[in-house]
């Protein structure tokens, strides 16, 4: 049975994130620099949301807002659905399908993100 920890072992251990109070433009720059489509959003070191290119398109661009003046927390998706490293990949896929989400952060028993 394939578990999340097996996938994480293959992908590397870097975690890129953005602070909730940062401007959306900063999040977009990180996503572009790192070639990723979403970032975990942190406040005081705690996971509070996920911001994606889709959030930007729907909540900034289409509404005529400024990415330099809008803070990440204003457009992030929250609350965050998470899984643990021991979760079965098939179960994760079921969660993503049922909740219609594309990003599923992995956290350990303490609530810290796992790389």
PDB file of N, CA and C in Angstrom:
ATOM      1  N   UNK A   1       0.847  -1.179   0.000  1.00  0.00           N
ATOM      2  CA  UNK A   1       0.000   0.000   0.000  1.00  0.00           C
ATOM      3  C   UNK A   1       0.896   1.247   0.000  1.00  0.00           C
ATOM      4  N   UNK A   2       0.656   2.126  -0.951  1.00  0.00           N
ATOM      5  CA  UNK A   2       1.446   3.342  -1.073  1.00  0.00           C
ATOM      6  C   UNK A   2       0.947   4.397  -0.091  1.00  0.00           C
ATOM      7  N   UNK A   3       1.843   4.906   0.697  1.00  0.00           N
ATOM      8  CA  UNK A   3       1.506   5.916   1.692  1.00  0.00           C
ATOM      9  C   UNK A   3       2.131   7.266   1.308  1.00  0.00           C
ATOM     10  N   UNK A   4       1.603   8.307   1.905  1.00  0.00           N
ATOM     11  CA  UNK A   4       2.070   9.665   1.620  1.00  0.00           C
ATOM     12  C   UNK A   4       3.567   9.783   1.884  1.00  0.00           C
ATOM     13  N   UNK A   5       4.053   9.178   2.932  1.00  0.00           N
ATOM     14  CA  UNK A   5       5.479   9.277   3.262  1.00  0.00           C
ATOM     15  C   UNK A   5       6.357   8.732   2.141  1.00  0.00           C
ATOM     16  N   UNK A   6       5.853   7.759   1.380  1.00  0.00           N
ATOM     17  CA  UNK A   6       6.618   7.216   0.260  1.00  0.00           C
ATOM     18  C   UNK A   6       6.733   8.241  -0.872  1.00  0.00           C
ATOM     19  N   UNK A   7       5.661   8.974  -1.123  1.00  0.00           N
ATOM     20  CA  UNK A   7       5.703  10.026  -2.140  1.00  0.00           C
ATOM     21  C   UNK A   7       6.635  11.159  -1.708  1.00  0.00           C
ATOM     22  N   UNK A   8       6.548  11.526  -0.442  1.00  0.00           N
ATOM     23  CA  UNK A   8       7.397  12.608   0.067  1.00  0.00           C
ATOM     24  C   UNK A   8       8.877  12.251  -0.008  1.00  0.00           C
ATOM     25  N   UNK A   9       9.204  10.984   0.185  1.00  0.00           N
ATOM     26  CA  UNK A   9      10.597  10.553   0.124  1.00  0.00           C
ATOM     27  C   UNK A   9      11.182  10.776  -1.273  1.00  0.00           C
ATOM     28  N   UNK A  10      10.343  10.749  -2.302  1.00  0.00           N
ATOM     29  CA  UNK A  10      10.794  10.922  -3.687  1.00  0.00           C
ATOM     30  C   UNK A  10      10.891  12.385  -4.112  1.00  0.00           C
ATOM     31  N   UNK A  11      10.088  13.243  -3.499  1.00  0.00           N
ATOM     32  CA  UNK A  11       9.951  14.608  -4.007  1.00  0.00           C
ATOM     33  C   UNK A  11      10.968  15.610  -3.476  1.00  0.00           C
ATOM     34  N   UNK A  12      11.662  15.296  -2.439  1.00  0.00           N
ATOM     35  CA  UNK A  12      12.568  16.267  -1.824  1.00  0.00           C
ATOM     36  C   UNK A  12      11.966  16.798  -0.539  1.00  0.00           C
ATOM     37  N   UNK A  13      12.701  17.658   0.140  1.00  0.00           N
ATOM     38  CA  UNK A  13      12.277  18.067   1.472  1.00  0.00           C
ATOM     39  C   UNK A  13      12.048  19.566   1.637  1.00  0.00           C
ATOM     40  N   UNK A  14      12.018  20.285   0.541  1.00  0.00           N
ATOM     41  CA  UNK A  14      11.803  21.728   0.627  1.00  0.00           C
ATOM     42  C   UNK A  14      10.318  22.041   0.781  1.00  0.00           C
ATOM     43  N   UNK A  15      10.024  23.012   1.647  1.00  0.00           N
ATOM     44  CA  UNK A  15       8.665  23.525   1.791  1.00  0.00           C
ATOM     45  C   UNK A  15       8.736  25.027   1.561  1.00  0.00           C
ATOM     46  N   UNK A  16       8.010  25.490   0.561  1.00  0.00           N
ATOM     47  CA  UNK A  16       7.922  26.919   0.305  1.00  0.00           C
ATOM     48  C   UNK A  16       6.561  27.380   0.780  1.00  0.00           C
ATOM     49  N   UNK A  17       6.527  28.492   1.485  1.00  0.00           N
ATOM     50  CA  UNK A  17       5.272  28.986   2.038  1.00  0.00           C
ATOM     51  C   UNK A  17       5.289  30.511   1.999  1.00  0.00           C
ATOM     52  N   UNK A  18       4.166  31.101   2.393  1.00  0.00           N
ATOM     53  CA  UNK A  18       4.034  32.547   2.435  1.00  0.00           C
ATOM     54  C   UNK A  18       3.289  32.913   3.712  1.00  0.00           C
ATOM     55  N   UNK A  19       3.608  34.058   4.267  1.00  0.00           N
ATOM     56  CA  UNK A  19       2.913  34.546   5.457  1.00  0.00           C
ATOM     57  C   UNK A  19       1.569  35.157   5.058  1.00  0.00           C
ATOM     58  N   UNK A  20       0.588  35.020   5.912  1.00  0.00           N
ATOM     59  CA  UNK A  20      -0.773  35.468   5.624  1.00  0.00           C
ATOM     60  C   UNK A  20      -0.863  36.965   5.333  1.00  0.00           C
ATOM     61  N   UNK A  21      -0.034  37.769   5.966  1.00  0.00           N
ATOM     62  CA  UNK A  21      -0.110  39.213   5.804  1.00  0.00           C
ATOM     63  C   UNK A  21       0.723  39.747   4.642  1.00  0.00           C
ATOM     64  N   UNK A  22       1.425  38.878   3.947  1.00  0.00           N
ATOM     65  CA  UNK A  22       2.210  39.304   2.784  1.00  0.00           C
ATOM     66  C   UNK A  22       1.267  39.699   1.648  1.00  0.00           C
ATOM     67  N   UNK A  23       1.707  40.590   0.777  1.00  0.00           N
ATOM     68  CA  UNK A  23       0.884  40.916  -0.393  1.00  0.00           C
ATOM     69  C   UNK A  23       0.823  39.718  -1.344  1.00  0.00           C
ATOM     70  N   UNK A  24      -0.281  39.599  -2.037  1.00  0.00           N
ATOM     71  CA  UNK A  24      -0.457  38.523  -2.998  1.00  0.00           C
ATOM     72  C   UNK A  24       0.686  38.513  -4.013  1.00  0.00           C
ATOM     73  N   UNK A  25       1.180  39.678  -4.374  1.00  0.00           N
ATOM     74  CA  UNK A  25       2.285  39.762  -5.324  1.00  0.00           C
ATOM     75  C   UNK A  25       3.499  38.968  -4.844  1.00  0.00           C
ATOM     76  N   UNK A  26       3.770  38.973  -3.552  1.00  0.00           N
ATOM     77  CA  UNK A  26       4.894  38.207  -3.001  1.00  0.00           C
ATOM     78  C   UNK A  26       4.657  36.710  -3.178  1.00  0.00           C
ATOM     79  N   UNK A  27       3.428  36.264  -2.942  1.00  0.00           N
ATOM     80  CA  UNK A  27       3.091  34.849  -3.131  1.00  0.00           C
ATOM     81  C   UNK A  27       3.257  34.455  -4.593  1.00  0.00           C
ATOM     82  N   UNK A  28       2.804  35.303  -5.492  1.00  0.00           N
ATOM     83  CA  UNK A  28       2.940  35.017  -6.925  1.00  0.00           C
ATOM     84  C   UNK A  28       4.409  34.909  -7.326  1.00  0.00           C
ATOM     85  N   UNK A  29       5.252  35.764  -6.753  1.00  0.00           N
ATOM     86  CA  UNK A  29       6.675  35.726  -7.081  1.00  0.00           C
ATOM     87  C   UNK A  29       7.304  34.419  -6.611  1.00  0.00           C
ATOM     88  N   UNK A  30       6.946  33.972  -5.404  1.00  0.00           N
ATOM     89  CA  UNK A  30       7.472  32.695  -4.894  1.00  0.00           C
ATOM     90  C   UNK A  30       7.011  31.558  -5.794  1.00  0.00           C
ATOM     91  N   UNK A  31       5.717  31.552  -6.156  1.00  0.00           N
ATOM     92  CA  UNK A  31       5.199  30.487  -7.019  1.00  0.00           C
ATOM     93  C   UNK A  31       5.932  30.472  -8.362  1.00  0.00           C
ATOM     94  N   UNK A  32       6.171  31.636  -8.933  1.00  0.00           N
ATOM     95  CA  UNK A  32       6.875  31.716 -10.219  1.00  0.00           C
ATOM     96  C   UNK A  32       8.329  31.248 -10.077  1.00  0.00           C
ATOM     97  N   UNK A  33       9.005  31.713  -9.030  1.00  0.00           N
ATOM     98  CA  UNK A  33      10.408  31.348  -8.824  1.00  0.00           C
ATOM     99  C   UNK A  33      10.581  29.853  -8.590  1.00  0.00           C
ATOM    100  N   UNK A  34       9.635  29.250  -7.895  1.00  0.00           N
ATOM    101  CA  UNK A  34       9.738  27.837  -7.504  1.00  0.00           C
ATOM    102  C   UNK A  34       8.983  26.894  -8.436  1.00  0.00           C
ATOM    103  N   UNK A  35       8.312  27.460  -9.424  1.00  0.00           N
ATOM    104  CA  UNK A  35       7.555  26.664 -10.406  1.00  0.00           C
ATOM    105  C   UNK A  35       6.494  25.787  -9.727  1.00  0.00           C
ATOM    106  N   UNK A  36       5.722  26.410  -8.829  1.00  0.00           N
ATOM    107  CA  UNK A  36       4.624  25.718  -8.152  1.00  0.00           C
ATOM    108  C   UNK A  36       3.343  26.515  -8.346  1.00  0.00           C
ATOM    109  N   UNK A  37       2.204  25.849  -8.208  1.00  0.00           N
ATOM    110  CA  UNK A  37       0.920  26.503  -8.424  1.00  0.00           C
ATOM    111  C   UNK A  37       0.179  26.876  -7.158  1.00  0.00           C
ATOM    112  N   UNK A  38       0.752  26.557  -5.996  1.00  0.00           N
ATOM    113  CA  UNK A  38       0.091  26.875  -4.730  1.00  0.00           C
ATOM    114  C   UNK A  38       1.124  26.901  -3.613  1.00  0.00           C
ATOM    115  N   UNK A  39       0.767  27.598  -2.538  1.00  0.00           N
ATOM    116  CA  UNK A  39       1.640  27.689  -1.370  1.00  0.00           C
ATOM    117  C   UNK A  39       0.826  27.545  -0.088  1.00  0.00           C
ATOM    118  N   UNK A  40       1.388  26.885   0.911  1.00  0.00           N
ATOM    119  CA  UNK A  40       0.774  26.926   2.232  1.00  0.00           C
ATOM    120  C   UNK A  40       0.886  28.339   2.785  1.00  0.00           C
ATOM    121  N   UNK A  41      -0.116  28.767   3.516  1.00  0.00           N
ATOM    122  CA  UNK A  41      -0.124  30.096   4.123  1.00  0.00           C
ATOM    123  C   UNK A  41       0.046  29.925   5.630  1.00  0.00           C
ATOM    124  N   UNK A  42       1.007  30.650   6.185  1.00  0.00           N
ATOM    125  CA  UNK A  42       1.317  30.546   7.616  1.00  0.00           C
ATOM    126  C   UNK A  42       1.011  31.850   8.333  1.00  0.00           C
ATOM    127  N   UNK A  43       0.626  31.714   9.584  1.00  0.00           N
ATOM    128  CA  UNK A  43       0.492  32.856  10.496  1.00  0.00           C
ATOM    129  C   UNK A  43       1.100  32.402  11.817  1.00  0.00           C
ATOM    130  N   UNK A  44       2.134  33.096  12.249  1.00  0.00           N
ATOM    131  CA  UNK A  44       2.855  32.717  13.475  1.00  0.00           C
ATOM    132  C   UNK A  44       3.306  31.266  13.441  1.00  0.00           C
ATOM    133  N   UNK A  45       3.766  30.824  12.268  1.00  0.00           N
ATOM    134  CA  UNK A  45       4.285  29.471  12.122  1.00  0.00           C
ATOM    135  C   UNK A  45       3.237  28.384  11.988  1.00  0.00           C
ATOM    136  N   UNK A  46       1.964  28.747  12.032  1.00  0.00           N
ATOM    137  CA  UNK A  46       0.886  27.761  11.943  1.00  0.00           C
ATOM    138  C   UNK A  46       0.220  27.811  10.569  1.00  0.00           C
ATOM    139  N   UNK A  47      -0.116  26.655  10.033  1.00  0.00           N
ATOM    140  CA  UNK A  47      -0.795  26.558   8.753  1.00  0.00           C
ATOM    141  C   UNK A  47      -2.226  27.071   8.892  1.00  0.00           C
ATOM    142  N   UNK A  48      -2.569  28.111   8.117  1.00  0.00           N
ATOM    143  CA  UNK A  48      -3.909  28.692   8.212  1.00  0.00           C
ATOM    144  C   UNK A  48      -4.661  28.681   6.882  1.00  0.00           C
ATOM    145  N   UNK A  49      -3.973  28.336   5.800  1.00  0.00           N
ATOM    146  CA  UNK A  49      -4.639  28.323   4.509  1.00  0.00           C
ATOM    147  C   UNK A  49      -3.715  27.861   3.407  1.00  0.00           C
ATOM    148  N   UNK A  50      -4.265  27.872   2.198  1.00  0.00           N
ATOM    149  CA  UNK A  50      -3.503  27.579   0.987  1.00  0.00           C
ATOM    150  C   UNK A  50      -3.894  28.639  -0.024  1.00  0.00           C
ATOM    151  N   UNK A  51      -2.906  29.203  -0.705  1.00  0.00           N
ATOM    152  CA  UNK A  51      -3.188  30.169  -1.761  1.00  0.00           C
ATOM    153  C   UNK A  51      -2.683  29.577  -3.075  1.00  0.00           C
ATOM    154  N   UNK A  52      -3.505  29.682  -4.105  1.00  0.00           N
ATOM    155  CA  UNK A  52      -3.159  29.089  -5.394  1.00  0.00           C
ATOM    156  C   UNK A  52      -3.309  30.100  -6.517  1.00  0.00           C
ATOM    157  N   UNK A  53      -2.786  29.721  -7.669  1.00  0.00           N
ATOM    158  CA  UNK A  53      -2.975  30.550  -8.854  1.00  0.00           C
ATOM    159  C   UNK A  53      -4.461  30.724  -9.149  1.00  0.00           C
ATOM    160  N   UNK A  54      -5.235  29.711  -8.873  1.00  0.00           N
ATOM    161  CA  UNK A  54      -6.690  29.788  -9.073  1.00  0.00           C
ATOM    162  C   UNK A  54      -7.304  30.828  -8.142  1.00  0.00           C
ATOM    163  N   UNK A  55      -6.873  30.864  -6.877  1.00  0.00           N
ATOM    164  CA  UNK A  55      -7.362  31.896  -5.948  1.00  0.00           C
ATOM    165  C   UNK A  55      -7.051  33.280  -6.502  1.00  0.00           C
ATOM    166  N   UNK A  56      -5.832  33.446  -7.019  1.00  0.00           N
ATOM    167  CA  UNK A  56      -5.434  34.729  -7.578  1.00  0.00           C
ATOM    168  C   UNK A  56      -6.329  35.112  -8.756  1.00  0.00           C
ATOM    169  N   UNK A  57      -6.519  34.182  -9.669  1.00  0.00           N
ATOM    170  CA  UNK A  57      -7.318  34.478 -10.861  1.00  0.00           C
ATOM    171  C   UNK A  57      -8.751  34.857 -10.511  1.00  0.00           C
ATOM    172  N   UNK A  58      -9.331  34.127  -9.572  1.00  0.00           N
ATOM    173  CA  UNK A  58     -10.740  34.336  -9.240  1.00  0.00           C
ATOM    174  C   UNK A  58     -10.993  35.463  -8.250  1.00  0.00           C
ATOM    175  N   UNK A  59     -10.052  35.692  -7.346  1.00  0.00           N
ATOM    176  CA  UNK A  59     -10.311  36.635  -6.258  1.00  0.00           C
ATOM    177  C   UNK A  59      -9.533  37.938  -6.356  1.00  0.00           C
ATOM    178  N   UNK A  60      -8.615  38.020  -7.306  1.00  0.00           N
ATOM    179  CA  UNK A  60      -7.883  39.265  -7.517  1.00  0.00           C
ATOM    180  C   UNK A  60      -8.141  39.756  -8.936  1.00  0.00           C
ATOM    181  N   UNK A  61      -7.710  38.995  -9.906  1.00  0.00           N
ATOM    182  CA  UNK A  61      -7.813  39.428 -11.299  1.00  0.00           C
ATOM    183  C   UNK A  61      -9.250  39.711 -11.712  1.00  0.00           C
ATOM    184  N   UNK A  62     -10.129  38.747 -11.521  1.00  0.00           N
ATOM    185  CA  UNK A  62     -11.511  38.915 -11.972  1.00  0.00           C
ATOM    186  C   UNK A  62     -12.277  39.983 -11.197  1.00  0.00           C
ATOM    187  N   UNK A  63     -11.836  40.289  -9.991  1.00  0.00           N
ATOM    188  CA  UNK A  63     -12.516  41.304  -9.186  1.00  0.00           C
ATOM    189  C   UNK A  63     -11.839  42.671  -9.289  1.00  0.00           C
ATOM    190  N   UNK A  64     -10.809  42.762 -10.120  1.00  0.00           N
ATOM    191  CA  UNK A  64     -10.144  44.045 -10.331  1.00  0.00           C
ATOM    192  C   UNK A  64      -9.347  44.539  -9.141  1.00  0.00           C
ATOM    193  N   UNK A  65      -8.898  43.640  -8.274  1.00  0.00           N
ATOM    194  CA  UNK A  65      -8.114  44.036  -7.109  1.00  0.00           C
ATOM    195  C   UNK A  65      -6.640  44.144  -7.482  1.00  0.00           C
ATOM    196  N   UNK A  66      -5.871  44.743  -6.622  1.00  0.00           N
ATOM    197  CA  UNK A  66      -4.433  44.897  -6.828  1.00  0.00           C
ATOM    198  C   UNK A  66      -3.680  43.803  -6.082  1.00  0.00           C
ATOM    199  N   UNK A  67      -2.805  43.090  -6.789  1.00  0.00           N
ATOM    200  CA  UNK A  67      -2.023  42.038  -6.139  1.00  0.00           C
ATOM    201  C   UNK A  67      -0.971  42.621  -5.200  1.00  0.00           C
ATOM    202  N   UNK A  68      -0.615  43.876  -5.383  1.00  0.00           N
ATOM    203  CA  UNK A  68       0.361  44.524  -4.497  1.00  0.00           C
ATOM    204  C   UNK A  68      -0.298  45.030  -3.217  1.00  0.00           C
ATOM    205  N   UNK A  69      -1.601  45.291  -3.260  1.00  0.00           N
ATOM    206  CA  UNK A  69      -2.307  45.846  -2.099  1.00  0.00           C
ATOM    207  C   UNK A  69      -3.182  44.838  -1.364  1.00  0.00           C
ATOM    208  N   UNK A  70      -3.457  43.700  -1.987  1.00  0.00           N
ATOM    209  CA  UNK A  70      -4.288  42.666  -1.363  1.00  0.00           C
ATOM    210  C   UNK A  70      -3.387  41.713  -0.596  1.00  0.00           C
ATOM    211  N   UNK A  71      -3.750  41.413   0.651  1.00  0.00           N
ATOM    212  CA  UNK A  71      -2.953  40.484   1.452  1.00  0.00           C
ATOM    213  C   UNK A  71      -3.403  39.050   1.193  1.00  0.00           C
ATOM    214  N   UNK A  72      -2.474  38.126   1.320  1.00  0.00           N
ATOM    215  CA  UNK A  72      -2.724  36.720   1.015  1.00  0.00           C
ATOM    216  C   UNK A  72      -3.922  36.177   1.790  1.00  0.00           C
ATOM    217  N   UNK A  73      -4.065  36.525   3.062  1.00  0.00           N
ATOM    218  CA  UNK A  73      -5.154  35.975   3.874  1.00  0.00           C
ATOM    219  C   UNK A  73      -6.522  36.327   3.291  1.00  0.00           C
ATOM    220  N   UNK A  74      -6.591  37.408   2.522  1.00  0.00           N
ATOM    221  CA  UNK A  74      -7.863  37.837   1.956  1.00  0.00           C
ATOM    222  C   UNK A  74      -8.341  36.943   0.812  1.00  0.00           C
ATOM    223  N   UNK A  75      -7.436  36.186   0.212  1.00  0.00           N
ATOM    224  CA  UNK A  75      -7.840  35.350  -0.921  1.00  0.00           C
ATOM    225  C   UNK A  75      -7.561  33.868  -0.719  1.00  0.00           C
ATOM    226  N   UNK A  76      -6.880  33.506   0.370  1.00  0.00           N
ATOM    227  CA  UNK A  76      -6.497  32.110   0.570  1.00  0.00           C
ATOM    228  C   UNK A  76      -7.720  31.225   0.791  1.00  0.00           C
ATOM    229  N   UNK A  77      -7.547  29.947   0.520  1.00  0.00           N
ATOM    230  CA  UNK A  77      -8.577  28.964   0.808  1.00  0.00           C
ATOM    231  C   UNK A  77      -8.362  28.471   2.239  1.00  0.00           C
ATOM    232  N   UNK A  78      -9.411  28.513   3.024  1.00  0.00           N
ATOM    233  CA  UNK A  78      -9.335  28.133   4.429  1.00  0.00           C
ATOM    234  C   UNK A  78     -10.733  27.732   4.896  1.00  0.00           C
ATOM    235  N   UNK A  79     -10.878  26.783   5.802  1.00  0.00           N
ATOM    236  CA  UNK A  79      -9.839  26.026   6.494  1.00  0.00           C
ATOM    237  C   UNK A  79      -9.159  25.029   5.557  1.00  0.00           C
ATOM    238  N   UNK A  80      -8.001  24.567   5.986  1.00  0.00           N
ATOM    239  CA  UNK A  80      -7.190  23.673   5.177  1.00  0.00           C
ATOM    240  C   UNK A  80      -7.489  22.224   5.551  1.00  0.00           C
ATOM    241  N   UNK A  81      -7.700  21.411   4.545  1.00  0.00           N
ATOM    242  CA  UNK A  81      -7.803  19.967   4.739  1.00  0.00           C
ATOM    243  C   UNK A  81      -6.388  19.419   4.656  1.00  0.00           C
ATOM    244  N   UNK A  82      -5.993  18.621   5.639  1.00  0.00           N
ATOM    245  CA  UNK A  82      -4.640  18.064   5.664  1.00  0.00           C
ATOM    246  C   UNK A  82      -4.691  16.547   5.819  1.00  0.00           C
ATOM    247  N   UNK A  83      -3.556  15.925   5.565  1.00  0.00           N
ATOM    248  CA  UNK A  83      -3.388  14.492   5.792  1.00  0.00           C
ATOM    249  C   UNK A  83      -2.067  14.287   6.516  1.00  0.00           C
ATOM    250  N   UNK A  84      -1.832  13.066   6.965  1.00  0.00           N
ATOM    251  CA  UNK A  84      -0.586  12.723   7.630  1.00  0.00           C
ATOM    252  C   UNK A  84       0.286  11.844   6.763  1.00  0.00           C
ATOM    253  N   UNK A  85       1.551  11.696   7.120  1.00  0.00           N
ATOM    254  CA  UNK A  85       2.476  10.893   6.321  1.00  0.00           C
ATOM    255  C   UNK A  85       2.096   9.420   6.228  1.00  0.00           C
ATOM    256  N   UNK A  86       1.361   8.925   7.187  1.00  0.00           N
ATOM    257  CA  UNK A  86       0.969   7.514   7.179  1.00  0.00           C
ATOM    258  C   UNK A  86      -0.316   7.247   6.401  1.00  0.00           C
ATOM    259  N   UNK A  87      -0.980   8.306   5.938  1.00  0.00           N
ATOM    260  CA  UNK A  87      -2.222   8.121   5.192  1.00  0.00           C
ATOM    261  C   UNK A  87      -1.963   7.433   3.862  1.00  0.00           C
ATOM    262  N   UNK A  88      -2.915   6.635   3.465  1.00  0.00           N
ATOM    263  CA  UNK A  88      -2.874   5.914   2.205  1.00  0.00           C
ATOM    264  C   UNK A  88      -3.138   6.895   1.052  1.00  0.00           C
ATOM    265  N   UNK A  89      -2.388   6.787  -0.008  1.00  0.00           N
ATOM    266  CA  UNK A  89      -2.524   7.695  -1.143  1.00  0.00           C
ATOM    267  C   UNK A  89      -3.930   7.602  -1.748  1.00  0.00           C
ATOM    268  N   UNK A  90      -4.475   6.432  -1.809  1.00  0.00           N
ATOM    269  CA  UNK A  90      -5.837   6.272  -2.351  1.00  0.00           C
ATOM    270  C   UNK A  90      -6.841   7.074  -1.516  1.00  0.00           C
ATOM    271  N   UNK A  91      -6.687   7.054  -0.207  1.00  0.00           N
ATOM    272  CA  UNK A  91      -7.558   7.824   0.680  1.00  0.00           C
ATOM    273  C   UNK A  91      -7.411   9.322   0.395  1.00  0.00           C
ATOM    274  N   UNK A  92      -6.186   9.768   0.171  1.00  0.00           N
ATOM    275  CA  UNK A  92      -5.941  11.179  -0.152  1.00  0.00           C
ATOM    276  C   UNK A  92      -6.645  11.567  -1.451  1.00  0.00           C
ATOM    277  N   UNK A  93      -6.577  10.698  -2.428  1.00  0.00           N
ATOM    278  CA  UNK A  93      -7.240  10.968  -3.702  1.00  0.00           C
ATOM    279  C   UNK A  93      -8.751  11.062  -3.519  1.00  0.00           C
ATOM    280  N   UNK A  94      -9.295  10.216  -2.661  1.00  0.00           N
ATOM    281  CA  UNK A  94     -10.732  10.259  -2.374  1.00  0.00           C
ATOM    282  C   UNK A  94     -11.116  11.574  -1.705  1.00  0.00           C
ATOM    283  N   UNK A  95     -10.294  12.031  -0.769  1.00  0.00           N
ATOM    284  CA  UNK A  95     -10.544  13.311  -0.101  1.00  0.00           C
ATOM    285  C   UNK A  95     -10.533  14.445  -1.116  1.00  0.00           C
ATOM    286  N   UNK A  96      -9.524  14.455  -1.973  1.00  0.00           N
ATOM    287  CA  UNK A  96      -9.393  15.524  -2.957  1.00  0.00           C
ATOM    288  C   UNK A  96     -10.579  15.534  -3.926  1.00  0.00           C
ATOM    289  N   UNK A  97     -11.032  14.369  -4.309  1.00  0.00           N
ATOM    290  CA  UNK A  97     -12.186  14.284  -5.211  1.00  0.00           C
ATOM    291  C   UNK A  97     -13.458  14.724  -4.502  1.00  0.00           C
ATOM    292  N   UNK A  98     -13.683  14.218  -3.315  1.00  0.00           N
ATOM    293  CA  UNK A  98     -14.914  14.524  -2.579  1.00  0.00           C
ATOM    294  C   UNK A  98     -15.012  16.004  -2.216  1.00  0.00           C
ATOM    295  N   UNK A  99     -13.895  16.619  -1.863  1.00  0.00           N
ATOM    296  CA  UNK A  99     -13.909  18.027  -1.437  1.00  0.00           C
ATOM    297  C   UNK A  99     -13.575  18.997  -2.561  1.00  0.00           C
ATOM    298  N   UNK A 100     -13.292  18.422  -3.733  1.00  0.00           N
ATOM    299  CA  UNK A 100     -12.974  19.226  -4.918  1.00  0.00           C
ATOM    300  C   UNK A 100     -11.815  20.184  -4.654  1.00  0.00           C
ATOM    301  N   UNK A 101     -10.734  19.616  -4.113  1.00  0.00           N
ATOM    302  CA  UNK A 101      -9.530  20.392  -3.837  1.00  0.00           C
ATOM    303  C   UNK A 101      -8.356  19.799  -4.597  1.00  0.00           C
ATOM    304  N   UNK A 102      -7.358  20.616  -4.853  1.00  0.00           N
ATOM    305  CA  UNK A 102      -6.188  20.170  -5.613  1.00  0.00           C
ATOM    306  C   UNK A 102      -4.923  20.096  -4.777  1.00  0.00           C
ATOM    307  N   UNK A 103      -4.963  20.667  -3.581  1.00  0.00           N
ATOM    308  CA  UNK A 103      -3.762  20.743  -2.753  1.00  0.00           C
ATOM    309  C   UNK A 103      -4.079  20.203  -1.368  1.00  0.00           C
ATOM    310  N   UNK A 104      -3.208  19.335  -0.887  1.00  0.00           N
ATOM    311  CA  UNK A 104      -3.457  18.626   0.360  1.00  0.00           C
ATOM    312  C   UNK A 104      -2.166  18.621   1.184  1.00  0.00           C
ATOM    313  N   UNK A 105      -1.981  19.632   2.036  1.00  0.00           N
ATOM    314  CA  UNK A 105      -0.764  19.680   2.848  1.00  0.00           C
ATOM    315  C   UNK A 105      -0.658  18.462   3.778  1.00  0.00           C
ATOM    316  N   UNK A 106       0.575  18.060   4.017  1.00  0.00           N
ATOM    317  CA  UNK A 106       0.860  16.924   4.889  1.00  0.00           C
ATOM    318  C   UNK A 106       1.411  17.464   6.200  1.00  0.00           C
ATOM    319  N   UNK A 107       0.768  17.099   7.294  1.00  0.00           N
ATOM    320  CA  UNK A 107       1.214  17.532   8.618  1.00  0.00           C
ATOM    321  C   UNK A 107       1.443  16.337   9.525  1.00  0.00           C
ATOM    322  N   UNK A 108       2.344  16.507  10.476  1.00  0.00           N
ATOM    323  CA  UNK A 108       2.616  15.433  11.435  1.00  0.00           C
ATOM    324  C   UNK A 108       1.680  15.553  12.632  1.00  0.00           C
ATOM    325  N   UNK A 109       1.891  14.742  13.631  1.00  0.00           N
ATOM    326  CA  UNK A 109       1.036  14.714  14.817  1.00  0.00           C
ATOM    327  C   UNK A 109       1.021  15.997  15.610  1.00  0.00           C
ATOM    328  N   UNK A 110       2.021  16.850  15.423  1.00  0.00           N
ATOM    329  CA  UNK A 110       2.080  18.124  16.131  1.00  0.00           C
ATOM    330  C   UNK A 110       1.438  19.254  15.336  1.00  0.00           C
ATOM    331  N   UNK A 111       1.028  18.955  14.105  1.00  0.00           N
ATOM    332  CA  UNK A 111       0.436  19.982  13.248  1.00  0.00           C
ATOM    333  C   UNK A 111       1.447  20.707  12.385  1.00  0.00           C
ATOM    334  N   UNK A 112       2.707  20.279  12.439  1.00  0.00           N
ATOM    335  CA  UNK A 112       3.749  20.893  11.610  1.00  0.00           C
ATOM    336  C   UNK A 112       3.762  20.258  10.223  1.00  0.00           C
ATOM    337  N   UNK A 113       3.995  21.082   9.210  1.00  0.00           N
ATOM    338  CA  UNK A 113       4.054  20.556   7.851  1.00  0.00           C
ATOM    339  C   UNK A 113       5.258  19.631   7.684  1.00  0.00           C
ATOM    340  N   UNK A 114       5.059  18.609   6.893  1.00  0.00           N
ATOM    341  CA  UNK A 114       6.090  17.618   6.638  1.00  0.00           C
ATOM    342  C   UNK A 114       6.594  17.796   5.212  1.00  0.00           C
ATOM    343  N   UNK A 115       7.891  17.802   5.054  1.00  0.00           N
ATOM    344  CA  UNK A 115       8.472  17.942   3.718  1.00  0.00           C
ATOM    345  C   UNK A 115       8.726  16.594   3.098  1.00  0.00           C
TER     346      UNK A 115
END
